[in-house]
Protein backbone atom coordinates (compact mmCIF):
# COMPACT_ATOMS: atom_id res chain seq x y z
CA UNK A 1 -9.42 -13.39 27.01
CA UNK A 2 -9.59 -9.59 27.02
CA UNK A 3 -12.03 -7.34 25.24
CA UNK A 4 -11.23 -6.93 21.54
CA UNK A 5 -10.84 -3.46 20.07
CA UNK A 6 -11.84 -2.59 16.52
CA UNK A 7 -9.32 -0.87 14.28
CA UNK A 8 -11.96 1.73 13.34
CA UNK A 9 -12.36 2.62 17.03
CA UNK A 10 -8.61 3.07 17.45
CA UNK A 11 -8.43 5.21 14.33
CA UNK A 12 -11.34 7.35 15.51
CA UNK A 13 -9.62 7.96 18.84
CA UNK A 14 -6.25 8.75 17.26
CA UNK A 15 -7.82 11.18 14.79
CA UNK A 16 -8.83 13.38 17.73
CA UNK A 17 -5.15 14.30 18.03
CA UNK A 18 -4.54 17.09 15.49
CA UNK A 19 -0.84 16.30 15.11
CA UNK A 20 -1.59 12.64 14.40
CA UNK A 21 -4.38 13.58 11.99
CA UNK A 22 -2.10 15.94 10.06
CA UNK A 23 0.60 13.28 9.62
CA UNK A 24 -1.99 10.66 8.72
CA UNK A 25 -3.40 12.88 5.99
CA UNK A 26 0.08 13.50 4.56
CA UNK A 27 0.61 9.75 4.18
CA UNK A 28 -2.91 8.84 3.03
CA UNK A 29 -2.16 8.90 -0.76
CA UNK A 30 0.80 6.55 -0.35
CA UNK A 31 -1.13 4.08 1.79
CA UNK A 32 -4.08 4.16 -0.60
CA UNK A 33 -1.77 3.16 -3.46
CA UNK A 34 -0.18 0.40 -1.41
CA UNK A 35 -3.61 -0.88 -0.38
CA UNK A 36 -4.74 -1.00 -4.02
CA UNK A 37 -1.60 -2.90 -5.04
CA UNK A 38 -1.99 -5.44 -2.23
CA UNK A 39 -5.68 -5.94 -3.05
CA UNK A 40 -4.92 -6.44 -6.76
CA UNK A 41 -2.20 -8.97 -5.97
CA UNK A 42 -4.38 -10.89 -3.52
CA UNK A 43 -7.37 -10.87 -5.91
CA UNK A 44 -5.14 -12.44 -8.56
CA UNK A 45 -3.97 -14.99 -5.99
CA UNK A 46 -0.29 -14.34 -6.66
CA UNK A 47 2.51 -14.16 -4.15
CA UNK A 48 4.93 -11.33 -3.65
CA UNK A 49 7.56 -13.59 -5.17
CA UNK A 50 5.49 -14.16 -8.32
CA UNK A 51 4.86 -10.43 -8.73
CA UNK A 52 8.57 -9.77 -8.26
CA UNK A 53 9.41 -12.29 -11.00
CA UNK A 54 6.89 -10.67 -13.34
CA UNK A 55 8.56 -7.28 -13.04
CA UNK A 56 12.17 -8.38 -12.73
CA UNK A 57 12.84 -7.46 -9.13
CA UNK A 58 13.30 -9.22 -5.78
CA UNK A 59 10.56 -10.34 -3.42
CA UNK A 60 12.08 -8.10 -0.76
CA UNK A 61 11.30 -5.03 -2.88
CA UNK A 62 7.64 -6.01 -3.11
CA UNK A 63 7.59 -6.77 0.62
CA UNK A 64 9.08 -3.37 1.48
CA UNK A 65 6.62 -1.64 -0.83
CA UNK A 66 3.63 -3.40 0.73
CA UNK A 67 4.84 -2.77 4.28
CA UNK A 68 5.28 0.95 3.69
CA UNK A 69 9.05 0.79 4.18
CA UNK A 70 9.92 1.84 0.65
CA UNK A 71 9.42 5.09 -1.22
CA UNK A 72 8.91 3.86 -4.78
CA UNK A 73 9.55 5.85 -7.93
CA UNK A 74 6.77 6.36 -10.43
CA UNK A 75 8.71 4.10 -12.79
CA UNK A 76 8.67 1.28 -10.22
CA UNK A 77 4.95 1.77 -9.52
CA UNK A 78 4.29 1.57 -13.26
CA UNK A 79 6.24 -1.70 -13.43
CA UNK A 80 4.14 -3.09 -10.57
CA UNK A 81 0.91 -1.96 -12.25
CA UNK A 82 2.03 -3.61 -15.49
CA UNK A 83 2.92 -6.78 -13.61
CA UNK A 84 -0.59 -6.83 -12.18
CA UNK A 85 -2.17 -6.10 -15.56
CA UNK A 86 -3.45 -2.77 -14.27
CA UNK A 87 -3.34 0.79 -15.55
CA UNK A 88 -1.84 3.48 -13.36
CA UNK A 89 -3.47 6.91 -13.23
CA UNK A 90 -2.16 9.92 -11.37
CA UNK A 91 -4.22 13.00 -10.74
CA UNK A 92 -4.11 16.20 -8.77
CA UNK A 93 -7.32 17.25 -7.05
């Protein structure tokens, strides 16, 4: 078996590339939201299908959201937050 590589090490190496770092920073807010949604769903021990049922959508929509292949509206994010029993806050810093 080959030597394993830590994700943090890969990220550190990639961040040396200014073009990569710039694009990564542009996408950071989106991925932070997605990460929070996934963590909330997993902590509640519910499936994507159950969350979809709670908010009246299809499992595929939740799957696309969690995979980063969907650009959700604020209205959709609010529905997801409600389905998870969470409050959504948006701020500019």
